[in-house]
Amino acid sequence: MRLAIFDLDNTLLNGDSDHAWGEFLCRRSIVDEAEYRAANDHFFRQYQSGALDIHEFLNFALRPLANHAPEQLQAWHNAFMEECIEPMMLPAAHALLEQHRQAGDYLLIITATNSFVTAPIAKRLGVDGLLATEPERLGDRFTGRVAGTPCFQGGKVERLSRWLEETGHSLKESSFYSDSHNDLPLLEQVDFPYAVNPDDKLRQIAVERDWPILDLRG
């Protein structure tokens, strides 16, 4: 099966699920609103510029998961899906997924956003697999730390390479869709890279390298 690989935030979704989860926590007063929003916005700007320290960000973003029971987190996530994620769904993204599904391709989301946030989204989108940053667990509780390699920038290549070895899939005739210049390491690994509503840096690279540029928001 050919691999059809997709970034999630601002690619298949019209928005960033990681940042939106932080905003959701603020609106529900689960965290200190002013302090958390300021940090959340700060890290988001760093991500956009390509200067994000992923471990510093994860120390911040995973901490709330450690402070609450799994049942409470799941209840909040159910509300988050309805309030925040459903409005981000893009009909053109669903059509693109279906196009690859009908072609017999294996649909894989690969995202820096942690799997607590993204696993239900991947299920909602009906993809075959998900590679995401993994929050560490101790029993049924989150520790607030990251497990293994964060799925970010070159870490996406590392995580995907390990997954290919484990599953027997290959990158032959593979495609990858992303909006962000942070994903350049993986875009350079596949046979068919696509820039989806790209940021300015990725758009310039896509134009220079004659990569297709897609608009899934129109």
N, C-alpha and C. Protein backbone atom coordinates (compact mmCIF):
# COMPACT_ATOMS: atom_id res chain seq x y z
N MET A 1 0.84 -1.19 0.00
CA MET A 1 0.00 0.00 0.00
C MET A 1 0.87 1.24 0.00
N ARG A 2 0.52 2.20 -0.82
CA ARG A 2 1.22 3.48 -0.80
C ARG A 2 0.81 4.25 0.45
N LEU A 3 1.75 5.02 0.96
CA LEU A 3 1.48 5.84 2.14
C LEU A 3 1.01 7.22 1.73
N ALA A 4 -0.11 7.64 2.27
CA ALA A 4 -0.57 9.03 2.16
C ALA A 4 -0.48 9.61 3.57
N ILE A 5 0.48 10.49 3.78
CA ILE A 5 0.81 11.00 5.10
C ILE A 5 0.31 12.44 5.20
N PHE A 6 -0.26 12.78 6.34
CA PHE A 6 -0.87 14.10 6.52
C PHE A 6 -0.44 14.71 7.84
N ASP A 7 0.00 15.95 7.80
CA ASP A 7 0.05 16.75 9.01
C ASP A 7 -1.40 17.02 9.42
N LEU A 8 -1.62 17.37 10.67
CA LEU A 8 -2.98 17.58 11.15
C LEU A 8 -3.34 19.06 11.24
N ASP A 9 -2.64 19.80 12.09
CA ASP A 9 -3.03 21.17 12.41
C ASP A 9 -2.77 22.11 11.24
N ASN A 10 -3.80 22.86 10.89
CA ASN A 10 -3.76 23.80 9.76
C ASN A 10 -3.49 23.10 8.43
N THR A 11 -3.68 21.79 8.39
CA THR A 11 -3.60 21.03 7.15
C THR A 11 -4.94 20.33 6.94
N LEU A 12 -5.21 19.29 7.72
CA LEU A 12 -6.52 18.66 7.67
C LEU A 12 -7.55 19.43 8.50
N LEU A 13 -7.08 20.23 9.43
CA LEU A 13 -7.97 21.07 10.24
C LEU A 13 -7.76 22.53 9.90
N ASN A 14 -8.81 23.31 10.00
CA ASN A 14 -8.72 24.75 9.81
C ASN A 14 -8.42 25.40 11.16
N GLY A 15 -7.24 25.09 11.68
CA GLY A 15 -6.83 25.60 12.97
C GLY A 15 -5.82 24.66 13.59
N ASP A 16 -5.35 25.02 14.78
CA ASP A 16 -4.32 24.26 15.49
C ASP A 16 -4.95 23.63 16.73
N SER A 17 -5.04 22.32 16.76
CA SER A 17 -5.71 21.64 17.87
C SER A 17 -4.95 21.79 19.17
N ASP A 18 -3.62 21.86 19.11
CA ASP A 18 -2.82 22.02 20.32
C ASP A 18 -3.10 23.37 20.98
N HIS A 19 -3.04 24.43 20.19
CA HIS A 19 -3.32 25.76 20.72
C HIS A 19 -4.78 25.86 21.18
N ALA A 20 -5.68 25.26 20.41
CA ALA A 20 -7.11 25.30 20.76
C ALA A 20 -7.38 24.58 22.08
N TRP A 21 -6.67 23.49 22.34
CA TRP A 21 -6.84 22.79 23.61
C TRP A 21 -6.43 23.70 24.77
N GLY A 22 -5.34 24.43 24.59
CA GLY A 22 -4.93 25.39 25.62
C GLY A 22 -5.98 26.46 25.84
N GLU A 23 -6.56 26.96 24.75
CA GLU A 23 -7.62 27.96 24.87
C GLU A 23 -8.85 27.37 25.58
N PHE A 24 -9.16 26.13 25.29
CA PHE A 24 -10.28 25.44 25.94
C PHE A 24 -10.04 25.36 27.44
N LEU A 25 -8.83 24.99 27.85
CA LEU A 25 -8.50 24.91 29.26
C LEU A 25 -8.66 26.28 29.94
N CYS A 26 -8.29 27.33 29.22
CA CYS A 26 -8.43 28.68 29.77
C CYS A 26 -9.90 29.06 29.96
N ARG A 27 -10.70 28.80 28.93
CA ARG A 27 -12.12 29.19 28.99
C ARG A 27 -12.85 28.44 30.10
N ARG A 28 -12.45 27.21 30.36
CA ARG A 28 -13.08 26.41 31.42
C ARG A 28 -12.48 26.68 32.80
N SER A 29 -11.51 27.59 32.86
CA SER A 29 -10.82 27.91 34.12
C SER A 29 -10.16 26.69 34.74
N ILE A 30 -9.72 25.75 33.89
CA ILE A 30 -9.00 24.58 34.35
C ILE A 30 -7.56 24.96 34.69
N VAL A 31 -7.08 26.00 34.03
CA VAL A 31 -5.75 26.56 34.31
C VAL A 31 -5.91 28.04 34.59
N ASP A 32 -4.86 28.66 35.09
CA ASP A 32 -4.88 30.11 35.30
C ASP A 32 -4.94 30.78 33.93
N GLU A 33 -6.02 31.45 33.64
CA GLU A 33 -6.29 31.92 32.28
C GLU A 33 -5.22 32.87 31.76
N ALA A 34 -4.92 33.91 32.48
CA ALA A 34 -3.99 34.91 31.98
C ALA A 34 -2.59 34.34 31.79
N GLU A 35 -2.12 33.61 32.79
CA GLU A 35 -0.77 33.06 32.74
C GLU A 35 -0.64 32.01 31.63
N TYR A 36 -1.63 31.12 31.58
CA TYR A 36 -1.54 30.02 30.61
C TYR A 36 -1.70 30.53 29.18
N ARG A 37 -2.62 31.46 28.97
CA ARG A 37 -2.83 31.98 27.61
C ARG A 37 -1.59 32.70 27.11
N ALA A 38 -0.95 33.46 27.98
CA ALA A 38 0.26 34.17 27.57
C ALA A 38 1.34 33.19 27.14
N ALA A 39 1.53 32.13 27.91
CA ALA A 39 2.53 31.13 27.55
C ALA A 39 2.12 30.36 26.30
N ASN A 40 0.86 30.00 26.20
CA ASN A 40 0.36 29.26 25.04
C ASN A 40 0.59 30.07 23.76
N ASP A 41 0.27 31.35 23.81
CA ASP A 41 0.47 32.20 22.63
C ASP A 41 1.95 32.38 22.32
N HIS A 42 2.77 32.48 23.36
CA HIS A 42 4.22 32.63 23.18
C HIS A 42 4.79 31.43 22.44
N PHE A 43 4.43 30.24 22.89
CA PHE A 43 4.95 29.03 22.24
C PHE A 43 4.42 28.89 20.81
N PHE A 44 3.18 29.30 20.59
CA PHE A 44 2.61 29.21 19.25
C PHE A 44 3.36 30.13 18.29
N ARG A 45 3.72 31.32 18.75
CA ARG A 45 4.50 32.23 17.90
C ARG A 45 5.88 31.64 17.62
N GLN A 46 6.47 31.00 18.61
CA GLN A 46 7.77 30.35 18.39
C GLN A 46 7.65 29.24 17.34
N TYR A 47 6.58 28.48 17.42
CA TYR A 47 6.35 27.42 16.45
C TYR A 47 6.25 28.00 15.03
N GLN A 48 5.49 29.06 14.91
CA GLN A 48 5.30 29.66 13.59
C GLN A 48 6.61 30.18 13.02
N SER A 49 7.50 30.66 13.88
CA SER A 49 8.77 31.22 13.41
C SER A 49 9.83 30.14 13.18
N GLY A 50 9.56 28.93 13.67
CA GLY A 50 10.54 27.86 13.54
C GLY A 50 11.53 27.81 14.68
N ALA A 51 11.27 28.55 15.76
CA ALA A 51 12.22 28.65 16.87
C ALA A 51 11.74 27.91 18.12
N LEU A 52 10.75 27.05 17.99
CA LEU A 52 10.18 26.39 19.17
C LEU A 52 11.15 25.39 19.78
N ASP A 53 11.36 25.49 21.08
CA ASP A 53 12.04 24.45 21.86
C ASP A 53 10.97 23.45 22.26
N ILE A 54 10.93 22.32 21.57
CA ILE A 54 9.82 21.39 21.74
C ILE A 54 9.75 20.84 23.16
N HIS A 55 10.90 20.62 23.80
CA HIS A 55 10.87 20.07 25.16
C HIS A 55 10.38 21.10 26.16
N GLU A 56 10.76 22.35 25.98
CA GLU A 56 10.23 23.41 26.85
C GLU A 56 8.73 23.52 26.68
N PHE A 57 8.27 23.46 25.43
CA PHE A 57 6.83 23.54 25.20
C PHE A 57 6.10 22.36 25.82
N LEU A 58 6.63 21.15 25.66
CA LEU A 58 5.93 19.97 26.19
C LEU A 58 5.90 19.97 27.71
N ASN A 59 6.94 20.48 28.35
CA ASN A 59 6.89 20.62 29.81
C ASN A 59 5.71 21.47 30.24
N PHE A 60 5.40 22.47 29.42
CA PHE A 60 4.25 23.34 29.68
C PHE A 60 2.94 22.66 29.30
N ALA A 61 2.87 22.11 28.08
CA ALA A 61 1.60 21.64 27.53
C ALA A 61 1.10 20.35 28.17
N LEU A 62 2.01 19.50 28.64
CA LEU A 62 1.59 18.21 29.20
C LEU A 62 1.29 18.27 30.69
N ARG A 63 1.66 19.39 31.33
CA ARG A 63 1.46 19.50 32.78
C ARG A 63 0.00 19.37 33.19
N PRO A 64 -0.94 20.01 32.48
CA PRO A 64 -2.34 19.88 32.91
C PRO A 64 -2.86 18.44 32.85
N LEU A 65 -2.29 17.62 31.97
CA LEU A 65 -2.75 16.23 31.89
C LEU A 65 -2.42 15.46 33.17
N ALA A 66 -1.33 15.85 33.82
CA ALA A 66 -0.92 15.15 35.04
C ALA A 66 -1.73 15.57 36.26
N ASN A 67 -2.45 16.68 36.14
CA ASN A 67 -3.14 17.24 37.31
C ASN A 67 -4.56 16.76 37.49
N HIS A 68 -5.04 15.90 36.57
CA HIS A 68 -6.44 15.51 36.62
C HIS A 68 -6.60 14.03 36.29
N ALA A 69 -7.67 13.45 36.79
CA ALA A 69 -7.95 12.04 36.57
C ALA A 69 -8.32 11.78 35.12
N PRO A 70 -8.04 10.58 34.62
CA PRO A 70 -8.36 10.25 33.23
C PRO A 70 -9.83 10.46 32.88
N GLU A 71 -10.72 10.14 33.79
CA GLU A 71 -12.14 10.29 33.51
C GLU A 71 -12.52 11.76 33.29
N GLN A 72 -11.93 12.63 34.09
CA GLN A 72 -12.21 14.06 33.94
C GLN A 72 -11.61 14.58 32.64
N LEU A 73 -10.40 14.16 32.33
CA LEU A 73 -9.77 14.58 31.07
C LEU A 73 -10.60 14.14 29.87
N GLN A 74 -11.12 12.92 29.93
CA GLN A 74 -11.92 12.42 28.81
C GLN A 74 -13.20 13.22 28.65
N ALA A 75 -13.84 13.57 29.77
CA ALA A 75 -15.06 14.37 29.69
C ALA A 75 -14.77 15.73 29.08
N TRP A 76 -13.67 16.33 29.48
CA TRP A 76 -13.29 17.62 28.89
C TRP A 76 -13.00 17.47 27.40
N HIS A 77 -12.31 16.39 27.04
CA HIS A 77 -11.97 16.21 25.63
C HIS A 77 -13.21 16.00 24.78
N ASN A 78 -14.20 15.32 25.31
CA ASN A 78 -15.47 15.15 24.57
C ASN A 78 -16.09 16.51 24.24
N ALA A 79 -16.07 17.41 25.23
CA ALA A 79 -16.60 18.75 25.01
C ALA A 79 -15.72 19.53 24.04
N PHE A 80 -14.42 19.35 24.15
CA PHE A 80 -13.46 20.01 23.25
C PHE A 80 -13.70 19.61 21.80
N MET A 81 -13.96 18.33 21.57
CA MET A 81 -14.23 17.87 20.20
C MET A 81 -15.44 18.58 19.62
N GLU A 82 -16.49 18.68 20.41
CA GLU A 82 -17.74 19.29 19.92
C GLU A 82 -17.60 20.79 19.75
N GLU A 83 -16.98 21.46 20.73
CA GLU A 83 -16.91 22.91 20.70
C GLU A 83 -15.84 23.46 19.78
N CYS A 84 -14.72 22.77 19.70
CA CYS A 84 -13.53 23.33 19.03
C CYS A 84 -13.13 22.61 17.75
N ILE A 85 -13.17 21.29 17.77
CA ILE A 85 -12.66 20.53 16.63
C ILE A 85 -13.68 20.42 15.51
N GLU A 86 -14.92 20.15 15.83
CA GLU A 86 -15.91 20.04 14.75
C GLU A 86 -15.97 21.29 13.88
N PRO A 87 -15.92 22.50 14.46
CA PRO A 87 -15.91 23.69 13.61
C PRO A 87 -14.65 23.83 12.75
N MET A 88 -13.57 23.11 13.07
CA MET A 88 -12.35 23.16 12.28
C MET A 88 -12.35 22.18 11.09
N MET A 89 -13.35 21.31 11.04
CA MET A 89 -13.37 20.30 9.99
C MET A 89 -13.54 20.95 8.61
N LEU A 90 -12.80 20.44 7.65
CA LEU A 90 -12.78 21.00 6.29
C LEU A 90 -13.34 19.97 5.30
N PRO A 91 -14.44 20.29 4.61
CA PRO A 91 -14.97 19.35 3.62
C PRO A 91 -13.93 18.93 2.58
N ALA A 92 -13.07 19.85 2.16
CA ALA A 92 -12.06 19.51 1.16
C ALA A 92 -11.03 18.55 1.72
N ALA A 93 -10.75 18.64 3.01
CA ALA A 93 -9.83 17.69 3.63
C ALA A 93 -10.44 16.31 3.68
N HIS A 94 -11.71 16.22 4.03
CA HIS A 94 -12.40 14.93 4.01
C HIS A 94 -12.40 14.34 2.60
N ALA A 95 -12.59 15.18 1.60
CA ALA A 95 -12.59 14.71 0.21
C ALA A 95 -11.21 14.20 -0.18
N LEU A 96 -10.16 14.88 0.27
CA LEU A 96 -8.80 14.44 -0.04
C LEU A 96 -8.51 13.09 0.61
N LEU A 97 -8.91 12.95 1.86
CA LEU A 97 -8.73 11.66 2.53
C LEU A 97 -9.48 10.56 1.80
N GLU A 98 -10.69 10.85 1.38
CA GLU A 98 -11.49 9.84 0.68
C GLU A 98 -10.87 9.48 -0.66
N GLN A 99 -10.29 10.45 -1.32
CA GLN A 99 -9.62 10.18 -2.60
C GLN A 99 -8.50 9.16 -2.41
N HIS A 100 -7.69 9.36 -1.37
CA HIS A 100 -6.62 8.41 -1.10
C HIS A 100 -7.17 7.07 -0.59
N ARG A 101 -8.24 7.13 0.17
CA ARG A 101 -8.86 5.89 0.67
C ARG A 101 -9.36 5.05 -0.50
N GLN A 102 -10.01 5.67 -1.45
CA GLN A 102 -10.53 4.96 -2.62
C GLN A 102 -9.41 4.41 -3.50
N ALA A 103 -8.25 5.07 -3.45
CA ALA A 103 -7.09 4.60 -4.23
C ALA A 103 -6.38 3.43 -3.55
N GLY A 104 -6.84 3.06 -2.36
CA GLY A 104 -6.24 1.95 -1.65
C GLY A 104 -5.00 2.31 -0.85
N ASP A 105 -4.79 3.59 -0.61
CA ASP A 105 -3.61 4.04 0.13
C ASP A 105 -3.81 3.88 1.63
N TYR A 106 -2.71 3.81 2.36
CA TYR A 106 -2.73 3.78 3.82
C TYR A 106 -2.66 5.23 4.30
N LEU A 107 -3.65 5.65 5.07
CA LEU A 107 -3.76 7.03 5.53
C LEU A 107 -3.14 7.16 6.91
N LEU A 108 -2.10 7.99 7.01
CA LEU A 108 -1.36 8.16 8.25
C LEU A 108 -1.25 9.64 8.60
N ILE A 109 -1.73 9.99 9.79
CA ILE A 109 -1.51 11.34 10.32
C ILE A 109 -0.23 11.33 11.14
N ILE A 110 0.63 12.33 10.93
CA ILE A 110 1.83 12.49 11.72
C ILE A 110 1.86 13.92 12.23
N THR A 111 1.86 14.08 13.56
CA THR A 111 1.65 15.40 14.15
C THR A 111 2.48 15.59 15.40
N ALA A 112 2.93 16.82 15.62
CA ALA A 112 3.66 17.16 16.84
C ALA A 112 2.73 17.25 18.04
N THR A 113 1.45 17.48 17.81
CA THR A 113 0.48 17.58 18.91
C THR A 113 0.33 16.23 19.59
N ASN A 114 0.21 16.24 20.90
CA ASN A 114 0.24 14.99 21.64
C ASN A 114 -0.98 14.11 21.36
N SER A 115 -0.80 12.81 21.60
CA SER A 115 -1.81 11.83 21.22
C SER A 115 -3.08 11.92 22.06
N PHE A 116 -2.99 12.46 23.29
CA PHE A 116 -4.23 12.66 24.04
C PHE A 116 -5.18 13.58 23.28
N VAL A 117 -4.63 14.67 22.75
CA VAL A 117 -5.45 15.61 22.00
C VAL A 117 -5.85 15.03 20.65
N THR A 118 -4.93 14.34 19.97
CA THR A 118 -5.13 14.04 18.55
C THR A 118 -5.73 12.67 18.24
N ALA A 119 -5.61 11.70 19.14
CA ALA A 119 -6.14 10.37 18.82
C ALA A 119 -7.64 10.39 18.51
N PRO A 120 -8.47 11.09 19.29
CA PRO A 120 -9.88 11.16 18.93
C PRO A 120 -10.14 11.90 17.62
N ILE A 121 -9.27 12.85 17.28
CA ILE A 121 -9.43 13.58 16.02
C ILE A 121 -9.10 12.66 14.85
N ALA A 122 -8.02 11.88 14.99
CA ALA A 122 -7.66 10.92 13.95
C ALA A 122 -8.77 9.90 13.74
N LYS A 123 -9.38 9.46 14.84
CA LYS A 123 -10.50 8.52 14.74
C LYS A 123 -11.68 9.16 14.02
N ARG A 124 -11.94 10.41 14.35
CA ARG A 124 -13.04 11.14 13.70
C ARG A 124 -12.81 11.28 12.20
N LEU A 125 -11.55 11.43 11.79
CA LEU A 125 -11.21 11.58 10.38
C LEU A 125 -11.13 10.23 9.66
N GLY A 126 -11.12 9.15 10.41
CA GLY A 126 -11.17 7.83 9.80
C GLY A 126 -9.88 7.39 9.14
N VAL A 127 -8.74 7.84 9.66
CA VAL A 127 -7.47 7.44 9.07
C VAL A 127 -7.05 6.08 9.63
N ASP A 128 -6.04 5.50 8.99
CA ASP A 128 -5.59 4.16 9.38
C ASP A 128 -4.61 4.18 10.53
N GLY A 129 -3.83 5.25 10.66
CA GLY A 129 -2.81 5.29 11.69
C GLY A 129 -2.49 6.70 12.12
N LEU A 130 -1.85 6.80 13.29
CA LEU A 130 -1.47 8.09 13.87
C LEU A 130 -0.10 7.97 14.50
N LEU A 131 0.78 8.89 14.15
CA LEU A 131 2.03 9.08 14.87
C LEU A 131 1.99 10.48 15.47
N ALA A 132 2.07 10.54 16.79
CA ALA A 132 1.96 11.81 17.51
C ALA A 132 2.96 11.82 18.64
N THR A 133 3.22 12.97 19.19
CA THR A 133 4.02 13.05 20.41
C THR A 133 3.28 12.32 21.52
N GLU A 134 4.02 11.46 22.26
CA GLU A 134 3.37 10.60 23.25
C GLU A 134 3.60 11.11 24.67
N PRO A 135 2.53 11.43 25.39
CA PRO A 135 2.69 11.78 26.80
C PRO A 135 3.01 10.52 27.61
N GLU A 136 3.91 10.65 28.55
CA GLU A 136 4.26 9.51 29.40
C GLU A 136 3.12 9.21 30.37
N ARG A 137 2.91 7.92 30.60
CA ARG A 137 1.89 7.46 31.56
C ARG A 137 2.56 6.61 32.63
N LEU A 138 1.99 6.67 33.81
CA LEU A 138 2.35 5.78 34.90
C LEU A 138 1.04 5.18 35.39
N GLY A 139 0.82 3.91 35.04
CA GLY A 139 -0.50 3.33 35.24
C GLY A 139 -1.48 3.98 34.30
N ASP A 140 -2.59 4.47 34.83
CA ASP A 140 -3.59 5.14 33.98
C ASP A 140 -3.49 6.66 34.06
N ARG A 141 -2.45 7.17 34.74
CA ARG A 141 -2.31 8.62 34.90
C ARG A 141 -1.16 9.14 34.03
N PHE A 142 -1.32 10.35 33.53
CA PHE A 142 -0.23 11.02 32.83
C PHE A 142 0.74 11.59 33.85
N THR A 143 2.03 11.61 33.48
CA THR A 143 3.05 12.12 34.39
C THR A 143 3.37 13.59 34.14
N GLY A 144 2.98 14.12 32.97
CA GLY A 144 3.36 15.47 32.60
C GLY A 144 4.65 15.53 31.81
N ARG A 145 5.24 14.36 31.57
CA ARG A 145 6.47 14.29 30.78
C ARG A 145 6.19 13.63 29.43
N VAL A 146 7.14 13.78 28.51
CA VAL A 146 7.01 13.18 27.20
C VAL A 146 7.68 11.81 27.21
N ALA A 147 7.11 10.89 26.45
CA ALA A 147 7.69 9.55 26.30
C ALA A 147 8.34 9.45 24.92
N GLY A 148 9.64 9.17 24.90
CA GLY A 148 10.31 8.97 23.62
C GLY A 148 10.56 10.28 22.88
N THR A 149 10.71 10.16 21.57
CA THR A 149 11.06 11.28 20.71
C THR A 149 9.82 12.09 20.36
N PRO A 150 9.80 13.39 20.61
CA PRO A 150 8.68 14.21 20.17
C PRO A 150 8.55 14.15 18.65
N CYS A 151 7.34 14.17 18.18
CA CYS A 151 7.06 14.01 16.75
C CYS A 151 7.06 15.40 16.09
N PHE A 152 8.26 16.00 16.04
CA PHE A 152 8.38 17.39 15.62
C PHE A 152 9.64 17.57 14.81
N GLN A 153 9.53 18.28 13.68
CA GLN A 153 10.64 18.55 12.79
C GLN A 153 11.36 17.24 12.45
N GLY A 154 12.66 17.14 12.70
CA GLY A 154 13.38 15.91 12.40
C GLY A 154 12.87 14.71 13.18
N GLY A 155 12.22 14.97 14.31
CA GLY A 155 11.63 13.89 15.08
C GLY A 155 10.53 13.16 14.32
N LYS A 156 9.86 13.87 13.41
CA LYS A 156 8.86 13.19 12.58
C LYS A 156 9.52 12.16 11.68
N VAL A 157 10.68 12.50 11.12
CA VAL A 157 11.40 11.56 10.27
C VAL A 157 11.85 10.36 11.10
N GLU A 158 12.39 10.63 12.29
CA GLU A 158 12.84 9.54 13.16
C GLU A 158 11.70 8.62 13.55
N ARG A 159 10.59 9.19 13.97
CA ARG A 159 9.44 8.37 14.37
C ARG A 159 8.87 7.59 13.20
N LEU A 160 8.80 8.23 12.03
CA LEU A 160 8.28 7.55 10.85
C LEU A 160 9.21 6.42 10.42
N SER A 161 10.52 6.65 10.46
CA SER A 161 11.48 5.62 10.08
C SER A 161 11.34 4.39 10.97
N ARG A 162 11.16 4.63 12.26
CA ARG A 162 10.97 3.51 13.19
C ARG A 162 9.66 2.78 12.88
N TRP A 163 8.63 3.53 12.57
CA TRP A 163 7.33 2.93 12.24
C TRP A 163 7.42 2.11 10.96
N LEU A 164 8.16 2.60 9.98
CA LEU A 164 8.33 1.86 8.73
C LEU A 164 9.02 0.52 8.99
N GLU A 165 10.04 0.54 9.85
CA GLU A 165 10.73 -0.71 10.19
C GLU A 165 9.80 -1.69 10.89
N GLU A 166 8.95 -1.16 11.75
CA GLU A 166 8.06 -2.03 12.54
C GLU A 166 6.92 -2.59 11.71
N THR A 167 6.46 -1.84 10.72
CA THR A 167 5.25 -2.23 9.98
C THR A 167 5.53 -2.83 8.61
N GLY A 168 6.72 -2.60 8.07
CA GLY A 168 7.02 -3.10 6.74
C GLY A 168 6.56 -2.19 5.61
N HIS A 169 5.97 -1.05 5.95
CA HIS A 169 5.62 -0.08 4.92
C HIS A 169 6.89 0.57 4.38
N SER A 170 6.76 1.23 3.24
CA SER A 170 7.90 1.95 2.67
C SER A 170 7.44 3.31 2.18
N LEU A 171 8.41 4.16 1.84
CA LEU A 171 8.10 5.49 1.32
C LEU A 171 8.03 5.52 -0.20
N LYS A 172 8.08 4.37 -0.84
CA LYS A 172 7.96 4.34 -2.30
C LYS A 172 6.60 4.86 -2.73
N GLU A 173 6.60 5.87 -3.59
CA GLU A 173 5.39 6.52 -4.09
C GLU A 173 4.56 7.16 -2.98
N SER A 174 5.22 7.54 -1.88
CA SER A 174 4.51 8.13 -0.76
C SER A 174 4.27 9.61 -1.01
N SER A 175 3.27 10.14 -0.32
CA SER A 175 2.95 11.56 -0.37
C SER A 175 2.84 12.09 1.05
N PHE A 176 3.11 13.38 1.20
CA PHE A 176 2.98 14.04 2.50
C PHE A 176 2.42 15.43 2.28
N TYR A 177 1.39 15.75 3.06
CA TYR A 177 0.70 17.02 2.97
C TYR A 177 0.94 17.81 4.25
N SER A 178 1.42 19.04 4.12
CA SER A 178 1.68 19.86 5.30
C SER A 178 1.56 21.34 4.98
N ASP A 179 1.29 22.11 6.03
CA ASP A 179 1.18 23.57 5.91
C ASP A 179 2.43 24.28 6.38
N SER A 180 3.36 23.57 7.05
CA SER A 180 4.38 24.25 7.84
C SER A 180 5.80 23.97 7.37
N HIS A 181 6.63 25.01 7.41
CA HIS A 181 8.05 24.83 7.12
C HIS A 181 8.73 23.96 8.16
N ASN A 182 8.12 23.80 9.34
CA ASN A 182 8.68 22.89 10.34
C ASN A 182 8.71 21.45 9.84
N ASP A 183 7.89 21.14 8.84
CA ASP A 183 7.81 19.78 8.31
C ASP A 183 8.71 19.56 7.10
N LEU A 184 9.58 20.50 6.82
CA LEU A 184 10.47 20.36 5.66
C LEU A 184 11.29 19.07 5.71
N PRO A 185 11.82 18.65 6.87
CA PRO A 185 12.60 17.40 6.88
C PRO A 185 11.83 16.20 6.33
N LEU A 186 10.54 16.11 6.64
CA LEU A 186 9.76 14.98 6.13
C LEU A 186 9.28 15.22 4.70
N LEU A 187 8.95 16.44 4.37
CA LEU A 187 8.55 16.74 2.99
C LEU A 187 9.65 16.35 2.01
N GLU A 188 10.90 16.46 2.45
CA GLU A 188 12.02 16.11 1.58
C GLU A 188 12.25 14.61 1.47
N GLN A 189 11.57 13.82 2.30
CA GLN A 189 11.76 12.38 2.28
C GLN A 189 10.80 11.64 1.35
N VAL A 190 9.65 12.25 1.06
CA VAL A 190 8.62 11.53 0.31
C VAL A 190 8.75 11.80 -1.19
N ASP A 191 8.10 10.97 -1.99
CA ASP A 191 8.14 11.14 -3.44
C ASP A 191 7.26 12.29 -3.90
N PHE A 192 6.16 12.53 -3.16
CA PHE A 192 5.20 13.54 -3.60
C PHE A 192 4.86 14.48 -2.44
N PRO A 193 5.64 15.56 -2.28
CA PRO A 193 5.33 16.54 -1.23
C PRO A 193 4.28 17.54 -1.71
N TYR A 194 3.38 17.91 -0.80
CA TYR A 194 2.33 18.89 -1.09
C TYR A 194 2.33 19.95 0.00
N ALA A 195 2.27 21.21 -0.41
CA ALA A 195 2.12 22.32 0.53
C ALA A 195 0.64 22.68 0.59
N VAL A 196 0.06 22.60 1.78
CA VAL A 196 -1.38 22.82 1.96
C VAL A 196 -1.59 24.12 2.72
N ASN A 197 -2.22 25.12 2.07
CA ASN A 197 -2.38 26.42 2.71
C ASN A 197 -1.11 26.78 3.48
N PRO A 198 0.02 26.82 2.79
CA PRO A 198 1.32 26.88 3.47
C PRO A 198 1.61 28.23 4.11
N ASP A 199 2.45 28.18 5.16
CA ASP A 199 2.97 29.42 5.71
C ASP A 199 3.92 30.04 4.68
N ASP A 200 4.34 31.27 4.93
CA ASP A 200 5.12 32.01 3.93
C ASP A 200 6.42 31.29 3.58
N LYS A 201 7.10 30.74 4.60
CA LYS A 201 8.37 30.07 4.35
C LYS A 201 8.17 28.83 3.48
N LEU A 202 7.16 28.03 3.80
CA LEU A 202 6.93 26.82 3.01
C LEU A 202 6.43 27.17 1.62
N ARG A 203 5.62 28.20 1.50
CA ARG A 203 5.14 28.60 0.18
C ARG A 203 6.31 28.97 -0.74
N GLN A 204 7.26 29.71 -0.21
CA GLN A 204 8.41 30.10 -1.02
C GLN A 204 9.20 28.87 -1.46
N ILE A 205 9.41 27.93 -0.55
CA ILE A 205 10.14 26.71 -0.89
C ILE A 205 9.36 25.89 -1.92
N ALA A 206 8.05 25.79 -1.73
CA ALA A 206 7.23 25.03 -2.68
C ALA A 206 7.29 25.62 -4.08
N VAL A 207 7.26 26.94 -4.16
CA VAL A 207 7.36 27.60 -5.47
C VAL A 207 8.72 27.33 -6.10
N GLU A 208 9.79 27.45 -5.29
CA GLU A 208 11.14 27.23 -5.81
C GLU A 208 11.34 25.80 -6.29
N ARG A 209 10.70 24.83 -5.61
CA ARG A 209 10.92 23.42 -5.93
C ARG A 209 9.79 22.83 -6.78
N ASP A 210 8.85 23.68 -7.15
CA ASP A 210 7.74 23.25 -8.00
C ASP A 210 6.90 22.16 -7.33
N TRP A 211 6.69 22.31 -6.02
CA TRP A 211 5.78 21.40 -5.32
C TRP A 211 4.35 21.91 -5.47
N PRO A 212 3.38 21.02 -5.61
CA PRO A 212 1.98 21.47 -5.68
C PRO A 212 1.57 22.21 -4.41
N ILE A 213 0.79 23.26 -4.60
CA ILE A 213 0.25 24.04 -3.47
C ILE A 213 -1.27 23.90 -3.50
N LEU A 214 -1.82 23.39 -2.40
CA LEU A 214 -3.25 23.12 -2.33
C LEU A 214 -3.93 24.08 -1.37
N ASP A 215 -5.19 24.38 -1.65
CA ASP A 215 -6.04 25.17 -0.77
C ASP A 215 -7.21 24.30 -0.35
N LEU A 216 -7.21 23.87 0.93
CA LEU A 216 -8.30 23.05 1.43
C LEU A 216 -9.33 23.88 2.20
N ARG A 217 -9.15 25.20 2.22
CA ARG A 217 -10.07 26.05 2.96
C ARG A 217 -11.06 26.77 2.05
N GLY A 218 -10.80 26.75 0.75
CA GLY A 218 -11.65 27.49 -0.18
C GLY A 218 -13.00 26.86 -0.38
